[in-house]
Amino acid sequence: MSVTQQYLLDTYRARQHGDPLPPAPGTHDLRAARELRDYRRFRAVLAGHPARGRIREALVRGLRARAHPSG
């Protein structure tokens, strides 16, 4: 069963019982992504790493190592 089919079934059942309708699929995706980002930043700070720019810094280090190979 797809997400859309499950949503339609849940909506039908909610209307039959007079319950509030469930949120549509994808309604809270942006909020969940923001919460995940905030959680990862929080964990980085607890581990003693910078909260922002970690990926960019890793890419810069990799490019520098490639441009100046040791040995």
Protein backbone atom coordinates (compact mmCIF):
# COMPACT_ATOMS: atom_id res chain seq x y z
CA MET A 1 0.00 0.00 0.00
CA SER A 2 1.40 3.39 -0.94
CA VAL A 3 1.57 6.40 1.37
CA THR A 4 -1.23 8.10 -0.55
CA GLN A 5 -3.50 5.07 -0.29
CA GLN A 6 -2.84 4.78 3.45
CA TYR A 7 -3.59 8.49 3.89
CA LEU A 8 -6.88 8.17 2.02
CA LEU A 9 -7.86 5.13 4.09
CA ASP A 10 -6.99 6.95 7.34
CA THR A 11 -8.97 10.00 6.20
CA TYR A 12 -11.99 7.84 5.38
CA ARG A 13 -11.86 6.11 8.77
CA ALA A 14 -11.44 9.41 10.61
CA ARG A 15 -14.49 10.86 8.87
CA GLN A 16 -16.54 7.76 9.65
CA HIS A 17 -15.70 8.02 13.37
CA GLY A 18 -15.79 11.80 13.61
CA ASP A 19 -12.10 12.02 14.51
CA PRO A 20 -9.82 14.83 13.32
CA LEU A 21 -8.24 14.24 9.92
CA PRO A 22 -4.61 13.10 9.83
CA PRO A 23 -2.01 15.45 8.34
CA ALA A 24 -1.35 14.99 4.64
CA PRO A 25 1.86 13.17 3.67
CA GLY A 26 4.80 15.55 3.50
CA THR A 27 3.19 18.18 5.71
CA HIS A 28 5.92 18.07 8.35
CA ASP A 29 8.91 17.15 6.15
CA LEU A 30 10.57 20.56 6.34
CA ARG A 31 10.13 20.74 10.09
CA ALA A 32 11.61 17.26 10.51
CA ALA A 33 14.61 18.18 8.35
CA ARG A 34 15.24 21.30 10.44
CA GLU A 35 15.01 19.31 13.66
CA LEU A 36 17.48 16.76 12.31
CA ARG A 37 19.89 19.56 11.32
CA ASP A 38 19.61 21.16 14.77
CA TYR A 39 20.17 17.81 16.47
CA ARG A 40 23.30 17.11 14.41
CA ARG A 41 24.67 20.57 15.21
CA PHE A 42 23.98 20.02 18.89
CA ARG A 43 25.76 16.66 18.85
CA ALA A 44 28.74 18.25 17.06
CA VAL A 45 29.05 20.91 19.75
CA LEU A 46 28.89 18.29 22.51
CA ALA A 47 31.68 16.35 20.76
CA GLY A 48 33.81 19.50 20.61
CA HIS A 49 33.52 20.03 16.86
CA PRO A 50 32.35 23.19 15.08
CA ALA A 51 28.60 23.27 14.61
CA ARG A 52 28.73 24.76 11.11
CA GLY A 53 30.87 24.32 8.05
CA ARG A 54 32.11 20.82 8.84
CA ILE A 55 31.45 19.43 5.38
CA ARG A 56 33.02 22.40 3.62
CA GLU A 57 36.09 22.21 5.85
CA ALA A 58 36.49 18.49 5.14
CA LEU A 59 36.24 19.12 1.40
CA VAL A 60 38.85 21.88 1.58
CA ARG A 61 41.22 19.59 3.51
CA GLY A 62 40.73 16.88 0.90
CA LEU A 63 41.42 19.25 -1.97
CA ARG A 64 44.55 20.60 -0.28
CA ALA A 65 45.83 17.07 0.33
CA ARG A 66 45.22 16.20 -3.30
CA ALA A 67 46.96 19.35 -4.57
CA HIS A 68 50.02 18.82 -2.35
CA PRO A 69 50.61 15.05 -2.04
CA SER A 70 53.09 14.15 0.65
CA GLY A 71 56.12 12.13 -0.42
